[in-house]
Amino acid sequence: MAVVVNNIKILLIGCAVFLCGFSFADVGEEDSGALRIETETEEYSADIYLGNTADRKPSQLRLPFPDSISAFKTSPQEKKGFLSLLHEKELPDCYREARKKLGAFSSKGAGDVNAEDVRVLSWIFYVVVSADTFSWDYDENTPKDSLYGNMDYELKTGVVRWMSSLSWDISGIVSRCGIKRKELCRIWAEYGAAVLKTFRTQYDPELKQKQARMKEEYDKMSAERTLRLVQERKLSLFRGADPRSIYYNNKLLSNEDRNGNCKYHLEKRLEPAFVEMLVRFYPGQAGEVVKYLKKAGYADQEIGDLIDRTVGRDGKTEFLYKSGRGRQHDRKIKSRGSGHMK
């Protein structure tokens, strides 16, 4: 009977929260600790402390410095200035500074940049590509900070599109810079591959379902916490909505929106820009194109479809279809067609 009564109490508290809200204004300091939720939502929710969310920083990317190209020699002071954006600035400030530096070149096209422009741009590209992305936020004790938004995704995407745009005049650029084509193509292809791999790692097609399970656990624990505080006379039910619940649910929605934004940037902007850039960097060299697609995280069986939906098949891309992989992809397409006809 006691169990039934307790369950009814929890249900009533939950209904009260839903219908009229409440406030934790009267809760003592010792009662304002974060709820702990353990679910099966893998790396970013297996052990979450609401209000003290574990960091989800990806492993540090190992990318070539721009001054690995001898013609791009950089003074120690200037190099330290670029690297300090990564190591000494708060992440949002790092992106803001990089965006400002990149904006200084907004009026220049592929045919306008000189050797110094390309050197500085390469350092900006390095900083943006190497910077961490913003972590998922599940803190129930602070409001959603909308100042950052998807600035990291937008700037990383912008860097790949910058490099792709400059690749239209790659022959002219390397000539003006006095460097070997393969040197510049290599570091830019590495940077582009790192960005796509980051986005492919970040996007989670099952995030909505995972967060639904998290919300279920949170609501249950929140109701139990509310019941305990009411019983201890530390909570008034009619003092307005509980901000912690609002913060938490807003962040779940924000994370879903960010996840969708990640997918959009990857499929609609990054993939076309990156594959087009590789085709211009390595005409007739299918092996080089495939090498960097694999570095971006694409498996053999994904590459044919990726090429189809980005650059397609024409005179400039026919070389990508002449390898054994290309012929295998052709057979797969024909098989799909015959299956459809049946």
C-alpha atoms as a PDB file:
ATOM      1  CA  MET A   1       0.000   0.000   0.000  1.00  0.00           C
ATOM      2  CA  ALA A   2       2.868   2.367   0.866  1.00  0.00           C
ATOM      3  CA  VAL A   3       4.421   1.776  -2.561  1.00  0.00           C
ATOM      4  CA  VAL A   4       1.146   2.644  -4.274  1.00  0.00           C
ATOM      5  CA  VAL A   5       0.802   5.813  -2.204  1.00  0.00           C
ATOM      6  CA  ASN A   6       4.346   6.884  -3.042  1.00  0.00           C
ATOM      7  CA  ASN A   7       3.761   6.246  -6.737  1.00  0.00           C
ATOM      8  CA  ILE A   8       0.580   8.306  -6.585  1.00  0.00           C
ATOM      9  CA  LYS A   9       2.488  11.099  -4.846  1.00  0.00           C
ATOM     10  CA  ILE A  10       5.139  11.121  -7.551  1.00  0.00           C
ATOM     11  CA  LEU A  11       2.463  11.166 -10.245  1.00  0.00           C
ATOM     12  CA  LEU A  12       0.652  14.065  -8.550  1.00  0.00           C
ATOM     13  CA  ILE A  13       3.875  16.014  -8.222  1.00  0.00           C
ATOM     14  CA  GLY A  14       4.621  15.400 -11.885  1.00  0.00           C
ATOM     15  CA  CYS A  15       1.157  16.645 -12.831  1.00  0.00           C
ATOM     16  CA  ALA A  16       1.604  19.732 -10.681  1.00  0.00           C
ATOM     17  CA  VAL A  17       4.912  20.476 -12.356  1.00  0.00           C
ATOM     18  CA  PHE A  18       3.345  20.109 -15.773  1.00  0.00           C
ATOM     19  CA  LEU A  19       0.174  22.095 -15.033  1.00  0.00           C
ATOM     20  CA  CYS A  20       1.364  24.987 -12.938  1.00  0.00           C
ATOM     21  CA  GLY A  21       5.131  24.785 -12.457  1.00  0.00           C
ATOM     22  CA  PHE A  22       7.141  25.355  -9.311  1.00  0.00           C
ATOM     23  CA  SER A  23      10.259  27.018  -8.030  1.00  0.00           C
ATOM     24  CA  PHE A  24      13.331  25.827  -6.162  1.00  0.00           C
ATOM     25  CA  ALA A  25      13.850  29.276  -4.708  1.00  0.00           C
ATOM     26  CA  ASP A  26      13.520  27.921  -1.169  1.00  0.00           C
ATOM     27  CA  VAL A  27      15.880  24.986  -1.621  1.00  0.00           C
ATOM     28  CA  GLY A  28      18.951  25.006   0.587  1.00  0.00           C
ATOM     29  CA  GLU A  29      22.435  24.913  -0.926  1.00  0.00           C
ATOM     30  CA  GLU A  30      22.897  21.269  -0.016  1.00  0.00           C
ATOM     31  CA  ASP A  31      19.786  20.363  -2.050  1.00  0.00           C
ATOM     32  CA  SER A  32      20.718  22.118  -5.290  1.00  0.00           C
ATOM     33  CA  GLY A  33      23.109  19.451  -6.528  1.00  0.00           C
ATOM     34  CA  ALA A  34      22.883  18.044 -10.032  1.00  0.00           C
ATOM     35  CA  LEU A  35      20.944  14.956 -10.871  1.00  0.00           C
ATOM     36  CA  ARG A  36      22.964  12.026 -12.076  1.00  0.00           C
ATOM     37  CA  ILE A  37      21.648  10.079 -15.023  1.00  0.00           C
ATOM     38  CA  GLU A  38      23.123   6.849 -16.336  1.00  0.00           C
ATOM     39  CA  THR A  39      21.648   5.679 -19.631  1.00  0.00           C
ATOM     40  CA  GLU A  40      22.708   3.769 -22.702  1.00  0.00           C
ATOM     41  CA  THR A  41      23.306   6.860 -24.789  1.00  0.00           C
ATOM     42  CA  GLU A  42      26.966   6.097 -25.343  1.00  0.00           C
ATOM     43  CA  GLU A  43      29.834   8.511 -25.016  1.00  0.00           C
ATOM     44  CA  TYR A  44      28.036  11.718 -24.152  1.00  0.00           C
ATOM     45  CA  SER A  45      25.396  10.433 -21.799  1.00  0.00           C
ATOM     46  CA  ALA A  46      26.674   7.200 -20.277  1.00  0.00           C
ATOM     47  CA  ASP A  47      27.781   9.153 -17.219  1.00  0.00           C
ATOM     48  CA  ILE A  48      26.313  12.640 -17.232  1.00  0.00           C
ATOM     49  CA  TYR A  49      26.222  14.959 -14.258  1.00  0.00           C
ATOM     50  CA  LEU A  50      23.607  17.558 -15.029  1.00  0.00           C
ATOM     51  CA  GLY A  51      25.186  20.876 -14.214  1.00  0.00           C
ATOM     52  CA  ASN A  52      28.686  19.472 -14.606  1.00  0.00           C
ATOM     53  CA  THR A  53      28.631  17.865 -18.034  1.00  0.00           C
ATOM     54  CA  ALA A  54      31.688  15.814 -18.947  1.00  0.00           C
ATOM     55  CA  ASP A  55      33.824  17.284 -21.733  1.00  0.00           C
ATOM     56  CA  ARG A  56      33.459  15.682 -25.146  1.00  0.00           C
ATOM     57  CA  LYS A  57      36.608  17.040 -26.759  1.00  0.00           C
ATOM     58  CA  PRO A  58      37.690  15.012 -29.781  1.00  0.00           C
ATOM     59  CA  SER A  59      41.241  13.771 -29.919  1.00  0.00           C
ATOM     60  CA  GLN A  60      43.688  16.438 -31.026  1.00  0.00           C
ATOM     61  CA  LEU A  61      44.081  16.464 -34.786  1.00  0.00           C
ATOM     62  CA  ARG A  62      47.605  16.003 -36.091  1.00  0.00           C
ATOM     63  CA  LEU A  63      47.786  18.242 -39.123  1.00  0.00           C
ATOM     64  CA  PRO A  64      50.795  19.655 -40.990  1.00  0.00           C
ATOM     65  CA  PHE A  65      51.721  23.234 -40.157  1.00  0.00           C
ATOM     66  CA  PRO A  66      51.613  25.625 -43.135  1.00  0.00           C
ATOM     67  CA  ASP A  67      55.314  26.341 -42.624  1.00  0.00           C
ATOM     68  CA  SER A  68      56.051  22.707 -43.429  1.00  0.00           C
ATOM     69  CA  ILE A  69      56.188  24.266 -46.904  1.00  0.00           C
ATOM     70  CA  SER A  70      59.591  25.954 -46.976  1.00  0.00           C
ATOM     71  CA  ALA A  71      58.305  28.972 -48.931  1.00  0.00           C
ATOM     72  CA  PHE A  72      55.801  29.661 -46.130  1.00  0.00           C
ATOM     73  CA  LYS A  73      58.432  30.416 -43.499  1.00  0.00           C
ATOM     74  CA  THR A  74      56.836  32.092 -40.496  1.00  0.00           C
ATOM     75  CA  SER A  75      58.528  34.030 -37.706  1.00  0.00           C
ATOM     76  CA  PRO A  76      58.355  32.412 -34.255  1.00  0.00           C
ATOM     77  CA  GLN A  77      56.352  35.368 -32.966  1.00  0.00           C
ATOM     78  CA  GLU A  78      53.740  35.186 -35.723  1.00  0.00           C
ATOM     79  CA  LYS A  79      53.483  31.411 -35.416  1.00  0.00           C
ATOM     80  CA  LYS A  80      52.989  31.744 -31.669  1.00  0.00           C
ATOM     81  CA  GLY A  81      50.222  34.256 -32.338  1.00  0.00           C
ATOM     82  CA  PHE A  82      48.295  31.807 -34.501  1.00  0.00           C
ATOM     83  CA  LEU A  83      48.812  28.880 -32.145  1.00  0.00           C
ATOM     84  CA  SER A  84      47.783  30.967 -29.133  1.00  0.00           C
ATOM     85  CA  LEU A  85      44.293  31.150 -30.637  1.00  0.00           C
ATOM     86  CA  LEU A  86      44.096  27.393 -30.118  1.00  0.00           C
ATOM     87  CA  HIS A  87      45.858  27.066 -26.789  1.00  0.00           C
ATOM     88  CA  GLU A  88      45.235  30.299 -24.894  1.00  0.00           C
ATOM     89  CA  LYS A  89      41.855  31.588 -26.059  1.00  0.00           C
ATOM     90  CA  GLU A  90      38.444  30.377 -24.961  1.00  0.00           C
ATOM     91  CA  LEU A  91      36.920  28.352 -27.792  1.00  0.00           C
ATOM     92  CA  PRO A  92      34.294  30.947 -28.848  1.00  0.00           C
ATOM     93  CA  ASP A  93      36.978  33.666 -28.859  1.00  0.00           C
ATOM     94  CA  CYS A  94      39.225  31.461 -30.988  1.00  0.00           C
ATOM     95  CA  TYR A  95      36.506  31.184 -33.619  1.00  0.00           C
ATOM     96  CA  ARG A  96      35.678  34.896 -33.458  1.00  0.00           C
ATOM     97  CA  GLU A  97      39.314  35.877 -33.970  1.00  0.00           C
ATOM     98  CA  ALA A  98      39.725  33.408 -36.835  1.00  0.00           C
ATOM     99  CA  ARG A  99      36.523  34.654 -38.463  1.00  0.00           C
ATOM    100  CA  LYS A 100      37.779  38.225 -38.229  1.00  0.00           C
ATOM    101  CA  LYS A 101      41.120  37.297 -39.801  1.00  0.00           C
ATOM    102  CA  LEU A 102      39.404  35.342 -42.571  1.00  0.00           C
ATOM    103  CA  GLY A 103      37.053  38.247 -43.238  1.00  0.00           C
ATOM    104  CA  ALA A 104      40.023  40.427 -44.183  1.00  0.00           C
ATOM    105  CA  PHE A 105      40.327  38.353 -47.374  1.00  0.00           C
ATOM    106  CA  SER A 106      36.632  38.365 -48.288  1.00  0.00           C
ATOM    107  CA  SER A 107      37.120  40.649 -51.289  1.00  0.00           C
ATOM    108  CA  LYS A 108      39.777  38.441 -52.886  1.00  0.00           C
ATOM    109  CA  GLY A 109      39.168  35.669 -55.378  1.00  0.00           C
ATOM    110  CA  ALA A 110      41.336  32.792 -56.551  1.00  0.00           C
ATOM    111  CA  GLY A 111      43.082  34.963 -59.127  1.00  0.00           C
ATOM    112  CA  ASP A 112      43.780  37.798 -56.697  1.00  0.00           C
ATOM    113  CA  VAL A 113      45.711  36.119 -53.893  1.00  0.00           C
ATOM    114  CA  ASN A 114      49.484  36.395 -53.734  1.00  0.00           C
ATOM    115  CA  ALA A 115      52.052  34.265 -51.926  1.00  0.00           C
ATOM    116  CA  GLU A 116      51.682  36.158 -48.630  1.00  0.00           C
ATOM    117  CA  ASP A 117      47.890  35.889 -48.786  1.00  0.00           C
ATOM    118  CA  VAL A 118      48.065  32.139 -49.285  1.00  0.00           C
ATOM    119  CA  ARG A 119      50.549  31.742 -46.445  1.00  0.00           C
ATOM    120  CA  VAL A 120      48.372  33.658 -43.971  1.00  0.00           C
ATOM    121  CA  LEU A 121      45.183  31.995 -45.201  1.00  0.00           C
ATOM    122  CA  SER A 122      46.777  28.588 -44.700  1.00  0.00           C
ATOM    123  CA  TRP A 123      47.477  29.466 -41.064  1.00  0.00           C
ATOM    124  CA  ILE A 124      43.874  30.592 -40.553  1.00  0.00           C
ATOM    125  CA  PHE A 125      42.678  27.357 -42.158  1.00  0.00           C
ATOM    126  CA  TYR A 126      44.935  25.388 -39.822  1.00  0.00           C
ATOM    127  CA  VAL A 127      43.576  27.120 -36.720  1.00  0.00           C
ATOM    128  CA  VAL A 128      39.909  26.669 -37.658  1.00  0.00           C
ATOM    129  CA  VAL A 129      40.323  23.034 -38.672  1.00  0.00           C
ATOM    130  CA  SER A 130      42.301  22.191 -35.519  1.00  0.00           C
ATOM    131  CA  ALA A 131      39.917  23.912 -33.100  1.00  0.00           C
ATOM    132  CA  ASP A 132      37.510  21.734 -31.124  1.00  0.00           C
ATOM    133  CA  THR A 133      33.810  21.880 -31.831  1.00  0.00           C
ATOM    134  CA  PHE A 134      31.429  23.065 -29.131  1.00  0.00           C
ATOM    135  CA  SER A 135      30.451  20.232 -26.802  1.00  0.00           C
ATOM    136  CA  TRP A 136      26.929  18.954 -26.218  1.00  0.00           C
ATOM    137  CA  ASP A 137      25.307  20.775 -23.313  1.00  0.00           C
ATOM    138  CA  TYR A 138      23.168  18.934 -20.752  1.00  0.00           C
ATOM    139  CA  ASP A 139      23.554  21.361 -17.832  1.00  0.00           C
ATOM    140  CA  GLU A 140      20.261  21.756 -15.973  1.00  0.00           C
ATOM    141  CA  ASN A 141      21.496  24.662 -13.863  1.00  0.00           C
ATOM    142  CA  THR A 142      22.305  27.296 -16.499  1.00  0.00           C
ATOM    143  CA  PRO A 143      20.249  28.827 -19.306  1.00  0.00           C
ATOM    144  CA  LYS A 144      21.007  28.029 -22.925  1.00  0.00           C
ATOM    145  CA  ASP A 145      23.726  30.329 -24.241  1.00  0.00           C
ATOM    146  CA  SER A 146      22.627  31.172 -27.763  1.00  0.00           C
ATOM    147  CA  LEU A 147      25.586  33.460 -28.464  1.00  0.00           C
ATOM    148  CA  TYR A 148      27.704  30.683 -29.945  1.00  0.00           C
ATOM    149  CA  GLY A 149      25.096  28.854 -32.016  1.00  0.00           C
ATOM    150  CA  ASN A 150      26.709  26.866 -34.805  1.00  0.00           C
ATOM    151  CA  MET A 151      29.628  29.243 -35.299  1.00  0.00           C
ATOM    152  CA  ASP A 152      32.089  26.337 -35.220  1.00  0.00           C
ATOM    153  CA  TYR A 153      30.241  24.387 -37.921  1.00  0.00           C
ATOM    154  CA  GLU A 154      29.811  27.462 -40.092  1.00  0.00           C
ATOM    155  CA  LEU A 155      33.455  28.499 -39.901  1.00  0.00           C
ATOM    156  CA  LYS A 156      34.834  24.999 -40.513  1.00  0.00           C
ATOM    157  CA  THR A 157      32.508  24.683 -43.502  1.00  0.00           C
ATOM    158  CA  GLY A 158      33.592  28.122 -44.672  1.00  0.00           C
ATOM    159  CA  VAL A 159      37.251  27.087 -44.639  1.00  0.00           C
ATOM    160  CA  VAL A 160      36.607  24.066 -46.869  1.00  0.00           C
ATOM    161  CA  ARG A 161      34.587  26.209 -49.262  1.00  0.00           C
ATOM    162  CA  TRP A 162      37.385  28.792 -49.278  1.00  0.00           C
ATOM    163  CA  MET A 163      39.936  26.146 -50.243  1.00  0.00           C
ATOM    164  CA  SER A 164      37.583  24.724 -52.867  1.00  0.00           C
ATOM    165  CA  SER A 165      37.076  28.180 -54.364  1.00  0.00           C
ATOM    166  CA  LEU A 166      40.820  28.825 -54.488  1.00  0.00           C
ATOM    167  CA  SER A 167      41.367  25.433 -56.126  1.00  0.00           C
ATOM    168  CA  TRP A 168      39.875  26.812 -59.351  1.00  0.00           C
ATOM    169  CA  ASP A 169      43.205  28.579 -59.905  1.00  0.00           C
ATOM    170  CA  ILE A 170      45.499  26.120 -58.163  1.00  0.00           C
ATOM    171  CA  SER A 171      48.030  26.215 -61.018  1.00  0.00           C
ATOM    172  CA  GLY A 172      48.205  30.014 -60.929  1.00  0.00           C
ATOM    173  CA  ILE A 173      48.411  30.118 -57.139  1.00  0.00           C
ATOM    174  CA  VAL A 174      51.335  27.702 -56.832  1.00  0.00           C
ATOM    175  CA  SER A 175      53.101  29.554 -59.642  1.00  0.00           C
ATOM    176  CA  ARG A 176      52.720  32.917 -57.880  1.00  0.00           C
ATOM    177  CA  CYS A 177      53.776  31.374 -54.556  1.00  0.00           C
ATOM    178  CA  GLY A 178      56.822  29.681 -56.049  1.00  0.00           C
ATOM    179  CA  ILE A 179      55.925  26.342 -54.457  1.00  0.00           C
ATOM    180  CA  LYS A 180      55.299  22.836 -55.693  1.00  0.00           C
ATOM    181  CA  ARG A 181      51.693  22.032 -56.489  1.00  0.00           C
ATOM    182  CA  LYS A 182      51.795  18.781 -54.527  1.00  0.00           C
ATOM    183  CA  GLU A 183      52.913  20.614 -51.365  1.00  0.00           C
ATOM    184  CA  LEU A 184      49.959  22.993 -51.189  1.00  0.00           C
ATOM    185  CA  CYS A 185      47.454  20.399 -52.394  1.00  0.00           C
ATOM    186  CA  ARG A 186      48.635  18.005 -49.707  1.00  0.00           C
ATOM    187  CA  ILE A 187      48.157  20.298 -46.712  1.00  0.00           C
ATOM    188  CA  TRP A 188      44.829  21.683 -47.944  1.00  0.00           C
ATOM    189  CA  ALA A 189      43.534  18.198 -48.733  1.00  0.00           C
ATOM    190  CA  GLU A 190      44.572  17.126 -45.216  1.00  0.00           C
ATOM    191  CA  TYR A 191      42.706  20.081 -43.721  1.00  0.00           C
ATOM    192  CA  GLY A 192      39.575  19.370 -45.745  1.00  0.00           C
ATOM    193  CA  ALA A 193      39.598  15.673 -44.864  1.00  0.00           C
ATOM    194  CA  ALA A 194      39.913  16.538 -41.159  1.00  0.00           C
ATOM    195  CA  VAL A 195      36.848  18.801 -41.307  1.00  0.00           C
ATOM    196  CA  LEU A 196      34.679  16.189 -43.009  1.00  0.00           C
ATOM    197  CA  LYS A 197      35.809  13.518 -40.584  1.00  0.00           C
ATOM    198  CA  THR A 198      34.897  15.814 -37.684  1.00  0.00           C
ATOM    199  CA  PHE A 199      31.389  16.344 -39.060  1.00  0.00           C
ATOM    200  CA  ARG A 200      30.898  12.656 -39.795  1.00  0.00           C
ATOM    201  CA  THR A 201      31.947  11.871 -36.228  1.00  0.00           C
ATOM    202  CA  GLN A 202      29.769  14.608 -34.731  1.00  0.00           C
ATOM    203  CA  TYR A 203      26.542  13.702 -36.511  1.00  0.00           C
ATOM    204  CA  ASP A 204      24.487  11.107 -34.660  1.00  0.00           C
ATOM    205  CA  PRO A 205      21.465   9.718 -36.554  1.00  0.00           C
ATOM    206  CA  GLU A 206      20.133   8.246 -33.300  1.00  0.00           C
ATOM    207  CA  LEU A 207      20.471  11.365 -31.152  1.00  0.00           C
ATOM    208  CA  LYS A 208      16.728  12.055 -30.940  1.00  0.00           C
ATOM    209  CA  GLN A 209      15.990   8.564 -29.616  1.00  0.00           C
ATOM    210  CA  LYS A 210      18.912   8.712 -27.179  1.00  0.00           C
ATOM    211  CA  GLN A 211      17.814  12.046 -25.787  1.00  0.00           C
ATOM    212  CA  ALA A 212      14.232  10.795 -25.454  1.00  0.00           C
ATOM    213  CA  ARG A 213      15.538   8.122 -23.095  1.00  0.00           C
ATOM    214  CA  MET A 214      17.552  10.748 -21.225  1.00  0.00           C
ATOM    215  CA  LYS A 215      14.463  12.951 -20.875  1.00  0.00           C
ATOM    216  CA  GLU A 216      12.461  10.044 -19.511  1.00  0.00           C
ATOM    217  CA  GLU A 217      15.121   9.401 -16.871  1.00  0.00           C
ATOM    218  CA  TYR A 218      15.408  13.098 -16.076  1.00  0.00           C
ATOM    219  CA  ASP A 219      11.658  13.581 -15.648  1.00  0.00           C
ATOM    220  CA  LYS A 220      11.494  10.592 -13.318  1.00  0.00           C
ATOM    221  CA  MET A 221      14.377  11.812 -11.154  1.00  0.00           C
ATOM    222  CA  SER A 222      13.091  15.384 -11.214  1.00  0.00           C
ATOM    223  CA  ALA A 223       9.707  14.223  -9.908  1.00  0.00           C
ATOM    224  CA  GLU A 224      11.393  12.226  -7.149  1.00  0.00           C
ATOM    225  CA  ARG A 225      13.533  15.217  -6.210  1.00  0.00           C
ATOM    226  CA  THR A 226      10.453  17.434  -6.128  1.00  0.00           C
ATOM    227  CA  LEU A 227       8.584  14.999  -3.888  1.00  0.00           C
ATOM    228  CA  ARG A 228      11.505  14.849  -1.467  1.00  0.00           C
ATOM    229  CA  LEU A 229      11.786  18.630  -1.256  1.00  0.00           C
ATOM    230  CA  VAL A 230       8.047  19.057  -0.741  1.00  0.00           C
ATOM    231  CA  GLN A 231       8.108  16.497   2.042  1.00  0.00           C
ATOM    232  CA  GLU A 232      11.025  18.340   3.644  1.00  0.00           C
ATOM    233  CA  ARG A 233       9.074  21.622   3.326  1.00  0.00           C
ATOM    234  CA  LYS A 234      11.842  23.138   1.202  1.00  0.00           C
ATOM    235  CA  LEU A 235       9.736  23.681  -1.893  1.00  0.00           C
ATOM    236  CA  SER A 236       6.605  25.612  -2.666  1.00  0.00           C
ATOM    237  CA  LEU A 237       4.600  24.209  -5.574  1.00  0.00           C
ATOM    238  CA  PHE A 238       3.177  27.540  -6.680  1.00  0.00           C
ATOM    239  CA  ARG A 239       6.200  29.800  -7.075  1.00  0.00           C
ATOM    240  CA  GLY A 240       6.486  29.697 -10.864  1.00  0.00           C
ATOM    241  CA  ALA A 241       8.083  27.299 -13.336  1.00  0.00           C
ATOM    242  CA  ASP A 242      11.239  25.430 -12.391  1.00  0.00           C
ATOM    243  CA  PRO A 243      14.014  26.984 -14.486  1.00  0.00           C
ATOM    244  CA  ARG A 244      16.188  23.873 -14.295  1.00  0.00           C
ATOM    245  CA  SER A 245      13.621  21.758 -16.106  1.00  0.00           C
ATOM    246  CA  ILE A 246      13.165  24.488 -18.703  1.00  0.00           C
ATOM    247  CA  TYR A 247      16.930  24.810 -19.226  1.00  0.00           C
ATOM    248  CA  TYR A 248      17.353  21.071 -19.607  1.00  0.00           C
ATOM    249  CA  ASN A 249      14.521  20.592 -22.095  1.00  0.00           C
ATOM    250  CA  ASN A 250      15.606  23.617 -24.124  1.00  0.00           C
ATOM    251  CA  LYS A 251      19.068  22.120 -24.402  1.00  0.00           C
ATOM    252  CA  LEU A 252      17.716  18.810 -25.645  1.00  0.00           C
ATOM    253  CA  LEU A 253      15.905  20.673 -28.423  1.00  0.00           C
ATOM    254  CA  SER A 254      19.001  22.763 -29.135  1.00  0.00           C
ATOM    255  CA  ASN A 255      21.161  19.648 -29.411  1.00  0.00           C
ATOM    256  CA  GLU A 256      18.734  18.088 -31.891  1.00  0.00           C
ATOM    257  CA  ASP A 257      18.785  21.276 -33.949  1.00  0.00           C
ATOM    258  CA  ARG A 258      22.591  21.347 -33.880  1.00  0.00           C
ATOM    259  CA  ASN A 259      22.740  17.696 -34.918  1.00  0.00           C
ATOM    260  CA  GLY A 260      20.504  18.428 -37.910  1.00  0.00           C
ATOM    261  CA  ASN A 261      22.648  21.436 -38.766  1.00  0.00           C
ATOM    262  CA  CYS A 262      25.719  19.204 -38.739  1.00  0.00           C
ATOM    263  CA  LYS A 263      24.107  16.838 -41.247  1.00  0.00           C
ATOM    264  CA  TYR A 264      23.014  19.719 -43.476  1.00  0.00           C
ATOM    265  CA  HIS A 265      26.502  21.249 -43.620  1.00  0.00           C
ATOM    266  CA  LEU A 266      28.072  17.858 -44.312  1.00  0.00           C
ATOM    267  CA  GLU A 267      25.776  16.726 -47.112  1.00  0.00           C
ATOM    268  CA  LYS A 268      24.866  20.015 -48.795  1.00  0.00           C
ATOM    269  CA  ARG A 269      28.057  22.038 -48.458  1.00  0.00           C
ATOM    270  CA  LEU A 270      31.101  20.105 -47.338  1.00  0.00           C
ATOM    271  CA  GLU A 271      30.875  16.986 -49.483  1.00  0.00           C
ATOM    272  CA  PRO A 272      30.378  18.854 -52.803  1.00  0.00           C
ATOM    273  CA  ALA A 273      33.087  21.423 -52.026  1.00  0.00           C
ATOM    274  CA  PHE A 274      35.624  18.837 -50.865  1.00  0.00           C
ATOM    275  CA  VAL A 275      35.181  16.346 -53.719  1.00  0.00           C
ATOM    276  CA  GLU A 276      35.262  19.140 -56.313  1.00  0.00           C
ATOM    277  CA  MET A 277      38.469  20.447 -54.733  1.00  0.00           C
ATOM    278  CA  LEU A 278      40.118  17.021 -54.858  1.00  0.00           C
ATOM    279  CA  VAL A 279      39.176  16.560 -58.513  1.00  0.00           C
ATOM    280  CA  ARG A 280      40.814  19.895 -59.349  1.00  0.00           C
ATOM    281  CA  PHE A 281      43.865  19.131 -57.205  1.00  0.00           C
ATOM    282  CA  TYR A 282      44.417  15.648 -58.624  1.00  0.00           C
ATOM    283  CA  PRO A 283      43.058  15.405 -62.189  1.00  0.00           C
ATOM    284  CA  GLY A 284      43.517  11.892 -63.532  1.00  0.00           C
ATOM    285  CA  GLN A 285      44.819  10.646 -60.156  1.00  0.00           C
ATOM    286  CA  ALA A 286      41.993   8.532 -58.777  1.00  0.00           C
ATOM    287  CA  GLY A 287      44.272   7.040 -56.136  1.00  0.00           C
ATOM    288  CA  GLU A 288      44.985  10.455 -54.588  1.00  0.00           C
ATOM    289  CA  VAL A 289      41.308  11.440 -54.572  1.00  0.00           C
ATOM    290  CA  VAL A 290      40.323   8.163 -52.915  1.00  0.00           C
ATOM    291  CA  LYS A 291      43.154   8.477 -50.374  1.00  0.00           C
ATOM    292  CA  TYR A 292      41.789  11.733 -48.992  1.00  0.00           C
ATOM    293  CA  LEU A 293      38.185  10.544 -49.099  1.00  0.00           C
ATOM    294  CA  LYS A 294      39.268   7.646 -46.906  1.00  0.00           C
ATOM    295  CA  LYS A 295      41.062  10.075 -44.589  1.00  0.00           C
ATOM    296  CA  ALA A 296      37.744  11.891 -44.314  1.00  0.00           C
ATOM    297  CA  GLY A 297      36.242   8.665 -43.009  1.00  0.00           C
ATOM    298  CA  TYR A 298      34.533   7.225 -46.085  1.00  0.00           C
ATOM    299  CA  ALA A 299      34.651   3.469 -46.586  1.00  0.00           C
ATOM    300  CA  ASP A 300      35.302   1.869 -49.983  1.00  0.00           C
ATOM    301  CA  GLN A 301      31.641   1.040 -50.492  1.00  0.00           C
ATOM    302  CA  GLU A 302      30.598   4.668 -49.799  1.00  0.00           C
ATOM    303  CA  ILE A 303      32.959   6.401 -52.208  1.00  0.00           C
ATOM    304  CA  GLY A 304      31.144   5.604 -55.464  1.00  0.00           C
ATOM    305  CA  ASP A 305      27.843   7.013 -54.222  1.00  0.00           C
ATOM    306  CA  LEU A 306      29.647  10.045 -52.776  1.00  0.00           C
ATOM    307  CA  ILE A 307      31.205  10.843 -56.153  1.00  0.00           C
ATOM    308  CA  ASP A 308      27.863  10.331 -57.913  1.00  0.00           C
ATOM    309  CA  ARG A 309      25.985  12.772 -55.684  1.00  0.00           C
ATOM    310  CA  THR A 310      28.677  15.469 -55.658  1.00  0.00           C
ATOM    311  CA  VAL A 311      30.629  15.828 -58.924  1.00  0.00           C
ATOM    312  CA  GLY A 312      28.790  13.237 -61.003  1.00  0.00           C
ATOM    313  CA  ARG A 313      30.140  11.601 -64.121  1.00  0.00           C
ATOM    314  CA  ASP A 314      31.487  13.741 -66.946  1.00  0.00           C
ATOM    315  CA  GLY A 315      34.672  14.218 -68.919  1.00  0.00           C
ATOM    316  CA  LYS A 316      36.539  15.668 -65.939  1.00  0.00           C
ATOM    317  CA  THR A 317      35.543  12.913 -63.522  1.00  0.00           C
ATOM    318  CA  GLU A 318      35.552   9.873 -65.805  1.00  0.00           C
ATOM    319  CA  PHE A 319      38.978   8.880 -64.442  1.00  0.00           C
ATOM    320  CA  LEU A 320      37.340   8.160 -61.080  1.00  0.00           C
ATOM    321  CA  TYR A 321      35.217   5.432 -62.666  1.00  0.00           C
ATOM    322  CA  LYS A 322      37.976   3.596 -64.540  1.00  0.00           C
ATOM    323  CA  SER A 323      39.516   1.850 -61.555  1.00  0.00           C
ATOM    324  CA  GLY A 324      38.400  -1.501 -60.206  1.00  0.00           C
ATOM    325  CA  ARG A 325      36.409   0.370 -57.582  1.00  0.00           C
ATOM    326  CA  GLY A 326      34.679   2.404 -60.295  1.00  0.00           C
ATOM    327  CA  ARG A 327      33.763  -0.675 -62.311  1.00  0.00           C
ATOM    328  CA  GLN A 328      32.426  -2.353 -59.188  1.00  0.00           C
ATOM    329  CA  HIS A 329      30.307   0.728 -58.510  1.00  0.00           C
ATOM    330  CA  ASP A 330      28.957   0.615 -62.075  1.00  0.00           C
ATOM    331  CA  ARG A 331      27.896  -2.998 -61.564  1.00  0.00           C
ATOM    332  CA  LYS A 332      26.175  -2.035 -58.316  1.00  0.00           C
ATOM    333  CA  ILE A 333      24.244   0.745 -60.076  1.00  0.00           C
ATOM    334  CA  LYS A 334      23.172  -1.614 -62.865  1.00  0.00           C
ATOM    335  CA  SER A 335      22.074  -4.144 -60.272  1.00  0.00           C
ATOM    336  CA  ARG A 336      19.940  -1.505 -58.591  1.00  0.00           C
ATOM    337  CA  GLY A 337      18.396  -0.602 -61.921  1.00  0.00           C
ATOM    338  CA  SER A 338      17.554  -4.176 -62.864  1.00  0.00           C
ATOM    339  CA  GLY A 339      16.090  -4.753 -59.419  1.00  0.00           C
ATOM    340  CA  HIS A 340      13.923  -1.660 -59.848  1.00  0.00           C
ATOM    341  CA  MET A 341      12.676  -2.835 -63.256  1.00  0.00           C
ATOM    342  CA  LYS A 342      11.530  -6.100 -61.743  1.00  0.00           C
END
